[in-house]
Amino acid sequence: MINEHADFKILKTNYVSTAEFYSQVIDSLQDYAILTLDNQCMINSWSAGSANIFGYPGEEIIGKHFNIIFTEEDIQNKIPENEIETALRDGRATDNRWHVGKDQNVFYAYGLVFPLIGLEGEMLGYVKILRDLTERKRTEDAIRKYVIELEELNTHKESVLAILSHDLRSPLAGIITTAEYLRSNFKNMEAAKVQNMLDLLYKSASDELNMLDYLLEWARIKYASDAFSPAKTELIQYVEKVFTTLNDTADLKGIKLHNEIEPNTSVFADGKMLLSIIQNIISNAIKHTGPGGEIRVSSETQEGKVIIQIKDTGLGMSKEIQETLFTPQMHTLSKTRKENKGAGIGLLLVKGFLDKNGGEIWVESIEGKGSSFYFTLPVNKSLYNIDATTIEFDETT
């Protein structure tokens, strides 16, 4: 009897020692968050690594639903529930996504979830293991972005050469030819003809200068990233600035400009780029809208972004032109709209600025009835400072 009691004490001591040993092992893994959940997905154990990575001490988070470590977007998309369902169905579920810490900072974690089964096959809950590999993902994304930028730079170079050879060289040759004709025949020409040719020279030279300005601004997107300084910006003020600049031009054609942006509508963007975006689109709308037309600027906020619409009652455009508006093939638009050879580069500039600010642009248009340009900008600074592309869990990491 004494021996049996002694054996029990030894077994109990060994069990406690083993549990403490495994607890110490788990807590020593500071680079890993290891937590367990009960059957209702409530957190019931929290390793030292979990506290280190997420910022929550154990006593603060134990008893909370494990939704607390997911982003709001993932919760709305039922990612936690899907993860548990996959773990039950397949025996494990990979978990490669953004998570949220106590201070609301986000980080990218690789991990997995699997069911915790008792000795008699009973369901005890789940084990979730994560490793913060944001830095590794940042490096991978930086390399991926660098490759894309190299490809874009090559396209950019070819586009610049096309512009120089077609949209700049050809008009310049025309200017030189006209100037040479005037120089040789000025004394024998009628005053009215001289005036017409001088007007033509002035317009052609102005168009060339505008084209060069667009080209330089476009190049600045690629080479002057240090000038980029986004901030919370009142949208209505920038639309008003553009209207003030372009109002005289619109008045000459009897075009009405309507600012329908609601007060206190804010976007997170670089102010100079935002001004250039709005001015380019509205300037093009004025050029392609007939006398007595209208241009309306409005916006609506959806899911953390503002959608801005610039609608005109102008000439409209074909599907073929719409498909090439925001590509390096800007000379296509120049050929189609001879009166505005800078339009192609201007719209490419707009797209570059929007890409830089995390926005998008598209157009809807009907020939003869007008066009609506839409572009988006974020309401707030994005928490996701690198691409959240899904990467498969690497078990060797």
Protein backbone atom coordinates (compact mmCIF):
# COMPACT_ATOMS: atom_id res chain seq x y z
CA MET A 1 0.00 0.00 0.00
CA ILE A 2 2.86 2.30 0.91
CA ASN A 3 4.63 1.35 -2.33
CA GLU A 4 1.50 2.02 -4.41
CA HIS A 5 1.14 5.42 -2.81
CA ALA A 6 4.79 6.16 -3.45
CA ASP A 7 4.41 5.09 -7.09
CA PHE A 8 1.44 7.46 -7.49
CA LYS A 9 3.47 10.36 -6.07
CA ILE A 10 6.31 9.57 -8.46
CA LEU A 11 3.93 9.46 -11.46
CA LYS A 12 2.33 12.73 -10.38
CA THR A 13 5.75 14.34 -9.95
CA ASN A 14 6.84 13.11 -13.39
CA TYR A 15 3.63 14.42 -14.95
CA VAL A 16 4.09 17.87 -13.39
CA SER A 17 7.75 17.93 -14.43
CA THR A 18 6.87 16.94 -17.99
CA ALA A 19 4.10 19.56 -18.24
CA GLU A 20 6.43 22.23 -16.88
CA PHE A 21 9.16 21.11 -19.27
CA TYR A 22 6.90 21.37 -22.32
CA SER A 23 5.55 24.72 -21.08
CA GLN A 24 9.11 26.03 -20.79
CA VAL A 25 9.94 24.74 -24.28
CA ILE A 26 6.88 26.44 -25.76
CA ASP A 27 7.56 29.70 -23.93
CA SER A 28 11.17 29.69 -25.16
CA LEU A 29 9.96 29.91 -28.78
CA GLN A 30 9.79 33.71 -28.82
CA ASP A 31 9.51 33.85 -32.63
CA TYR A 32 6.33 31.75 -32.59
CA ALA A 33 2.86 32.47 -31.25
CA ILE A 34 1.39 29.24 -29.87
CA LEU A 35 -2.13 29.32 -28.48
CA THR A 36 -4.89 26.82 -27.83
CA LEU A 37 -8.63 27.27 -28.24
CA ASP A 38 -11.55 25.45 -26.68
CA ASN A 39 -14.37 24.03 -28.80
CA GLN A 40 -16.03 27.46 -28.93
CA CYS A 41 -12.77 28.97 -30.25
CA MET A 42 -12.10 30.85 -27.01
CA ILE A 43 -8.41 31.27 -26.21
CA ASN A 44 -7.46 29.14 -23.19
CA SER A 45 -3.67 29.19 -23.34
CA TRP A 46 -1.24 31.83 -24.56
CA SER A 47 2.51 31.32 -24.92
CA ALA A 48 5.20 33.89 -24.11
CA GLY A 49 5.86 34.11 -27.86
CA SER A 50 2.19 35.00 -28.40
CA ALA A 51 2.48 37.82 -25.86
CA ASN A 52 5.67 39.02 -27.55
CA ILE A 53 4.22 39.02 -31.08
CA PHE A 54 0.68 40.24 -30.39
CA GLY A 55 1.38 42.47 -27.39
CA TYR A 56 -1.38 41.00 -25.21
CA PRO A 57 -0.38 39.57 -21.80
CA GLY A 58 -1.96 36.18 -21.10
CA GLU A 59 -4.34 37.41 -18.40
CA GLU A 60 -5.75 40.02 -20.78
CA ILE A 61 -6.56 37.75 -23.72
CA ILE A 62 -7.37 34.34 -22.24
CA GLY A 63 -11.13 33.86 -22.46
CA LYS A 64 -11.45 36.05 -25.55
CA HIS A 65 -12.61 34.71 -28.93
CA PHE A 66 -9.71 34.18 -31.33
CA ASN A 67 -11.37 36.62 -33.78
CA ILE A 68 -9.50 39.28 -31.83
CA ILE A 69 -6.28 38.62 -33.73
CA PHE A 70 -7.86 38.85 -37.22
CA THR A 71 -8.38 41.99 -39.31
CA GLU A 72 -11.88 43.41 -39.55
CA GLU A 73 -11.95 42.55 -43.24
CA ASP A 74 -11.12 38.89 -42.57
CA ILE A 75 -13.77 38.70 -39.86
CA GLN A 76 -16.39 40.09 -42.25
CA ASN A 77 -15.28 37.53 -44.85
CA LYS A 78 -15.64 34.72 -42.25
CA ILE A 79 -11.97 33.75 -42.52
CA PRO A 80 -11.72 32.50 -38.88
CA GLU A 81 -14.77 30.23 -39.35
CA ASN A 82 -13.44 28.91 -42.67
CA GLU A 83 -10.09 28.21 -41.07
CA ILE A 84 -11.68 26.08 -38.35
CA GLU A 85 -13.89 24.25 -40.88
CA THR A 86 -10.83 23.43 -43.01
CA ALA A 87 -8.91 22.19 -39.96
CA LEU A 88 -11.79 19.87 -39.00
CA ARG A 89 -12.21 18.61 -42.56
CA ASP A 90 -8.56 18.17 -43.56
CA GLY A 91 -6.85 17.79 -40.19
CA ARG A 92 -5.04 21.13 -40.59
CA ALA A 93 -5.46 24.56 -42.14
CA THR A 94 -2.68 26.86 -43.33
CA ASP A 95 -2.97 30.41 -42.13
CA ASN A 96 -0.97 32.87 -44.22
CA ARG A 97 -2.43 36.33 -43.80
CA TRP A 98 -2.36 39.65 -41.98
CA HIS A 99 -3.12 39.66 -38.25
CA VAL A 100 -3.75 42.44 -35.75
CA GLY A 101 -1.88 43.08 -32.50
CA LYS A 102 -3.00 44.87 -29.35
CA ASP A 103 -1.94 48.31 -30.63
CA GLN A 104 -3.81 47.67 -33.92
CA ASN A 105 -0.59 47.30 -35.89
CA VAL A 106 -0.78 44.65 -38.58
CA PHE A 107 1.82 42.02 -39.40
CA TYR A 108 2.01 39.13 -41.84
CA ALA A 109 2.17 35.68 -40.25
CA TYR A 110 2.67 32.20 -41.63
CA GLY A 111 1.07 29.48 -39.56
CA LEU A 112 -1.37 26.65 -39.24
CA VAL A 113 -4.30 25.41 -37.17
CA PHE A 114 -5.11 21.83 -36.30
CA PRO A 115 -7.66 20.10 -34.04
CA LEU A 116 -6.59 18.98 -30.56
CA ILE A 117 -7.81 15.41 -29.96
CA GLY A 118 -7.82 13.67 -26.57
CA LEU A 119 -6.50 10.17 -25.81
CA GLU A 120 -9.97 8.67 -26.27
CA GLY A 121 -10.70 10.58 -29.48
CA GLU A 122 -12.66 13.37 -27.85
CA MET A 123 -12.47 16.87 -29.35
CA LEU A 124 -10.58 19.14 -26.93
CA GLY A 125 -10.24 22.24 -29.09
CA TYR A 126 -7.59 23.59 -31.47
CA VAL A 127 -3.95 24.55 -31.56
CA LYS A 128 -2.91 27.60 -33.57
CA ILE A 129 0.74 28.32 -34.38
CA LEU A 130 1.94 31.49 -36.11
CA ARG A 131 5.27 33.01 -36.98
CA ASP A 132 5.69 36.71 -37.74
CA LEU A 133 7.48 36.85 -41.09
CA THR A 134 6.54 40.37 -42.11
CA GLU A 135 10.18 41.24 -42.84
CA ARG A 136 10.57 38.21 -45.08
CA LYS A 137 7.37 39.05 -46.90
CA ARG A 138 8.49 42.66 -47.24
CA THR A 139 11.71 41.44 -48.88
CA GLU A 140 9.84 39.09 -51.22
CA ASP A 141 7.37 41.81 -52.18
CA ALA A 142 10.19 44.32 -52.67
CA ILE A 143 11.92 41.93 -55.08
CA ARG A 144 8.65 41.25 -56.88
CA LYS A 145 7.95 44.98 -57.09
CA TYR A 146 11.47 45.66 -58.34
CA VAL A 147 11.04 43.13 -61.17
CA ILE A 148 7.72 44.71 -62.16
CA GLU A 149 9.28 48.18 -62.04
CA LEU A 150 12.12 47.03 -64.30
CA GLU A 151 9.59 45.73 -66.80
CA GLU A 152 7.61 48.98 -66.57
CA LEU A 153 10.78 51.01 -66.93
CA ASN A 154 11.60 49.20 -70.15
CA THR A 155 8.08 49.92 -71.45
CA HIS A 156 8.49 53.49 -70.22
CA LYS A 157 11.74 53.86 -72.18
CA GLU A 158 10.14 52.53 -75.36
CA SER A 159 7.16 54.83 -74.87
CA VAL A 160 9.40 57.88 -74.42
CA LEU A 161 11.26 57.01 -77.62
CA ALA A 162 7.92 56.65 -79.44
CA ILE A 163 6.79 60.03 -78.19
CA LEU A 164 10.08 61.69 -79.10
CA SER A 165 10.05 60.20 -82.57
CA HIS A 166 6.37 60.69 -83.35
CA ASP A 167 4.56 63.21 -81.17
CA LEU A 168 7.49 65.61 -80.72
CA ARG A 169 9.75 65.23 -83.75
CA SER A 170 7.01 65.40 -86.39
CA PRO A 171 5.40 68.64 -85.14
CA LEU A 172 8.84 70.17 -84.63
CA ALA A 173 9.70 69.40 -88.23
CA GLY A 174 6.48 71.20 -89.24
CA ILE A 175 7.43 74.23 -87.14
CA ILE A 176 10.86 74.41 -88.78
CA THR A 177 9.35 74.08 -92.26
CA THR A 178 6.84 76.87 -91.57
CA ALA A 179 9.52 79.13 -90.07
CA GLU A 180 11.80 78.51 -93.07
CA TYR A 181 8.97 79.40 -95.48
CA LEU A 182 8.32 82.65 -93.60
CA ARG A 183 11.99 83.55 -93.54
CA SER A 184 12.32 83.04 -97.30
CA ASN A 185 9.02 84.61 -98.40
CA PHE A 186 8.15 87.16 -95.71
CA LYS A 187 8.72 90.25 -97.90
CA ASN A 188 6.41 89.00 -100.65
CA MET A 189 3.57 87.64 -98.46
CA GLU A 190 0.26 89.25 -97.62
CA ALA A 191 -0.09 90.41 -94.02
CA ALA A 192 -3.09 88.16 -93.37
CA LYS A 193 -1.20 85.07 -94.52
CA VAL A 194 1.80 85.99 -92.39
CA GLN A 195 -0.51 86.38 -89.38
CA ASN A 196 -2.12 82.97 -90.02
CA MET A 197 1.27 81.30 -90.23
CA LEU A 198 2.51 83.05 -87.09
CA ASP A 199 -0.63 81.92 -85.25
CA LEU A 200 0.03 78.37 -86.44
CA LEU A 201 3.65 78.57 -85.27
CA TYR A 202 2.56 79.87 -81.87
CA LYS A 203 -0.02 77.10 -81.39
CA SER A 204 2.36 74.37 -82.55
CA ALA A 205 5.16 75.60 -80.29
CA SER A 206 2.74 75.83 -77.33
CA ASP A 207 1.55 72.27 -77.97
CA GLU A 208 5.18 71.09 -78.07
CA LEU A 209 5.91 72.79 -74.75
CA ASN A 210 2.82 71.24 -73.17
CA MET A 211 3.91 67.85 -74.47
CA LEU A 212 7.37 68.29 -72.93
CA ASP A 213 5.82 69.36 -69.62
CA TYR A 214 3.67 66.21 -69.58
CA LEU A 215 6.68 64.08 -70.44
CA LEU A 216 8.80 65.59 -67.66
CA GLU A 217 6.00 65.17 -65.13
CA TRP A 218 5.48 61.58 -66.23
CA ALA A 219 9.19 60.89 -65.80
CA ARG A 220 9.02 62.41 -62.31
CA ILE A 221 6.71 59.58 -61.24
CA LYS A 222 9.52 57.12 -61.95
CA TYR A 223 12.51 59.05 -60.68
CA ALA A 224 11.37 61.45 -57.95
CA SER A 225 9.65 59.21 -55.43
CA ASP A 226 11.20 61.23 -52.58
CA ALA A 227 8.77 64.05 -53.46
CA PHE A 228 5.82 61.83 -52.55
CA SER A 229 4.15 63.05 -49.33
CA PRO A 230 0.55 61.81 -48.90
CA ALA A 231 -1.67 63.26 -46.17
CA LYS A 232 -5.33 63.60 -45.20
CA THR A 233 -6.77 66.00 -47.77
CA GLU A 234 -10.10 67.80 -48.19
CA LEU A 235 -11.26 66.85 -51.69
CA ILE A 236 -13.63 69.78 -52.27
CA GLN A 237 -10.81 72.32 -51.88
CA TYR A 238 -8.76 70.77 -54.68
CA VAL A 239 -11.73 70.66 -57.04
CA GLU A 240 -12.34 74.35 -56.30
CA LYS A 241 -8.68 75.15 -57.04
CA VAL A 242 -8.92 73.44 -60.43
CA PHE A 243 -12.21 75.18 -61.23
CA THR A 244 -10.61 78.54 -60.43
CA THR A 245 -7.70 77.75 -62.77
CA LEU A 246 -9.85 76.48 -65.64
CA ASN A 247 -12.94 78.65 -65.26
CA ASP A 248 -11.87 81.20 -67.90
CA THR A 249 -11.19 78.44 -70.43
CA ALA A 250 -14.60 76.89 -69.72
CA ASP A 251 -16.35 80.28 -69.97
CA LEU A 252 -14.96 80.84 -73.47
CA LYS A 253 -16.93 77.79 -74.60
CA GLY A 254 -19.94 78.46 -72.37
CA ILE A 255 -19.26 75.27 -70.39
CA LYS A 256 -20.70 75.07 -66.87
CA LEU A 257 -18.53 73.53 -64.14
CA HIS A 258 -20.40 71.92 -61.21
CA ASN A 259 -18.62 70.97 -57.97
CA GLU A 260 -20.93 68.46 -56.26
CA ILE A 261 -18.38 67.11 -53.77
CA GLU A 262 -19.83 66.97 -50.26
CA PRO A 263 -18.01 69.08 -47.63
CA ASN A 264 -15.69 67.12 -45.28
CA THR A 265 -15.05 64.45 -47.92
CA SER A 266 -11.41 63.52 -47.31
CA VAL A 267 -8.89 61.34 -49.12
CA PHE A 268 -5.40 60.23 -48.17
CA ALA A 269 -3.21 61.42 -51.06
CA ASP A 270 -0.31 63.58 -52.15
CA GLY A 271 -1.74 67.09 -52.65
CA LYS A 272 0.30 68.03 -55.72
CA MET A 273 -0.51 64.76 -57.42
CA LEU A 274 -4.20 65.06 -56.55
CA LEU A 275 -4.29 68.55 -58.07
CA SER A 276 -2.62 67.26 -61.24
CA ILE A 277 -5.05 64.32 -61.48
CA ILE A 278 -8.15 66.50 -61.24
CA GLN A 279 -6.76 69.22 -63.50
CA ASN A 280 -5.72 66.80 -66.25
CA ILE A 281 -9.10 65.07 -66.39
CA ILE A 282 -11.18 68.28 -66.23
CA SER A 283 -8.90 70.02 -68.76
CA ASN A 284 -9.40 67.14 -71.20
CA ALA A 285 -13.16 67.24 -70.54
CA ILE A 286 -13.29 70.96 -71.41
CA LYS A 287 -11.33 70.40 -74.63
CA HIS A 288 -13.70 67.66 -75.77
CA THR A 289 -16.99 69.21 -74.68
CA GLY A 290 -18.88 71.44 -77.11
CA PRO A 291 -20.19 74.97 -76.41
CA GLY A 292 -22.93 75.06 -73.79
CA GLY A 293 -21.95 71.72 -72.28
CA GLU A 294 -21.55 70.73 -68.63
CA ILE A 295 -18.92 69.06 -66.47
CA ARG A 296 -19.89 67.68 -63.07
CA VAL A 297 -17.57 66.45 -60.32
CA SER A 298 -19.11 64.25 -57.63
CA SER A 299 -18.04 61.54 -55.20
CA GLU A 300 -19.23 58.75 -52.94
CA THR A 301 -17.50 56.82 -50.19
CA GLN A 302 -17.48 53.02 -50.24
CA GLU A 303 -15.55 50.56 -48.08
CA GLY A 304 -12.70 52.82 -47.07
CA LYS A 305 -12.24 54.56 -50.41
CA VAL A 306 -13.70 57.57 -52.20
CA ILE A 307 -14.92 57.15 -55.79
CA ILE A 308 -14.70 60.44 -57.70
CA GLN A 309 -16.70 60.88 -60.92
CA ILE A 310 -15.90 63.58 -63.52
CA LYS A 311 -18.75 63.55 -66.03
CA ASP A 312 -18.92 65.62 -69.22
CA THR A 313 -21.43 66.06 -72.05
CA GLY A 314 -18.71 66.01 -74.69
CA LEU A 315 -17.77 64.01 -77.77
CA GLY A 316 -17.39 60.67 -76.06
CA MET A 317 -15.08 58.00 -77.42
CA SER A 318 -15.10 54.57 -79.00
CA LYS A 319 -14.41 51.32 -77.15
CA GLU A 320 -11.10 51.05 -79.01
CA ILE A 321 -9.89 54.37 -77.65
CA GLN A 322 -11.13 53.57 -74.13
CA GLU A 323 -9.04 50.41 -74.06
CA THR A 324 -5.81 52.32 -74.74
CA LEU A 325 -6.41 55.44 -72.63
CA PHE A 326 -4.28 54.45 -69.65
CA THR A 327 -1.56 52.44 -71.43
CA PRO A 328 1.82 53.54 -72.81
CA GLN A 329 0.20 53.61 -76.26
CA MET A 330 -0.76 57.24 -75.70
CA HIS A 331 0.12 58.19 -79.28
CA THR A 332 -3.03 56.30 -80.33
CA LEU A 333 -5.12 58.91 -78.55
CA SER A 334 -2.96 61.69 -80.00
CA LYS A 335 -3.76 60.53 -83.52
CA THR A 336 -7.46 60.25 -82.73
CA ARG A 337 -7.71 63.64 -81.05
CA LYS A 338 -5.46 65.79 -83.20
CA GLU A 339 -6.48 68.98 -81.45
CA ASN A 340 -4.98 67.73 -78.16
CA LYS A 341 -1.78 65.80 -78.65
CA GLY A 342 -0.90 65.90 -74.96
CA ALA A 343 -4.01 64.06 -73.83
CA GLY A 344 -2.44 60.60 -74.01
CA ILE A 345 0.52 61.50 -71.84
CA GLY A 346 -1.70 63.48 -69.48
CA LEU A 347 -3.92 60.47 -68.81
CA LEU A 348 -0.91 58.19 -68.43
CA LEU A 349 0.42 60.72 -65.92
CA VAL A 350 -2.92 60.57 -64.08
CA LYS A 351 -2.77 56.77 -63.89
CA GLY A 352 0.81 56.89 -62.61
CA PHE A 353 -0.12 59.31 -59.85
CA LEU A 354 -3.15 57.22 -58.87
CA ASP A 355 -1.06 54.04 -58.76
CA LYS A 356 1.37 55.86 -56.47
CA ASN A 357 -1.48 56.89 -54.15
CA GLY A 358 -3.16 53.47 -54.06
CA GLY A 359 -6.00 54.43 -56.40
CA GLU A 360 -7.53 53.18 -59.64
CA ILE A 361 -9.05 54.82 -62.72
CA TRP A 362 -11.53 53.76 -65.41
CA VAL A 363 -13.84 55.38 -67.94
CA GLU A 364 -17.37 54.93 -69.27
CA SER A 365 -18.18 56.67 -72.53
CA ILE A 366 -20.68 56.77 -75.38
CA GLU A 367 -19.73 58.43 -78.65
CA GLY A 368 -21.65 61.67 -79.10
CA LYS A 369 -23.04 61.63 -75.55
CA GLY A 370 -20.06 62.25 -73.32
CA SER A 371 -17.71 60.49 -70.92
CA SER A 372 -17.47 59.74 -67.22
CA PHE A 373 -14.02 59.29 -65.71
CA TYR A 374 -13.94 57.52 -62.36
CA PHE A 375 -10.99 57.27 -60.01
CA THR A 376 -10.57 56.09 -56.44
CA LEU A 377 -8.41 57.18 -53.52
CA PRO A 378 -8.19 55.74 -49.99
CA VAL A 379 -9.92 57.54 -47.15
CA ASN A 380 -7.13 56.76 -44.69
CA LYS A 381 -3.54 55.67 -44.77
CA SER A 382 -3.45 51.96 -45.53
CA LEU A 383 -2.42 49.65 -42.71
CA TYR A 384 -1.04 47.29 -45.33
CA ASN A 385 2.29 48.82 -46.26
CA ILE A 386 3.21 45.85 -48.42
CA ASP A 387 1.20 43.62 -50.74
CA ALA A 388 -0.88 41.02 -48.93
CA THR A 389 -0.42 38.38 -51.60
CA THR A 390 -1.06 34.90 -50.21
CA ILE A 391 2.09 32.83 -49.85
CA GLU A 392 1.96 29.14 -49.08
CA PHE A 393 3.05 28.10 -45.58
CA ASP A 394 6.65 26.96 -45.50
CA GLU A 395 7.04 24.24 -42.93
CA THR A 396 10.84 24.37 -43.18
CA THR A 397 10.90 27.99 -41.97
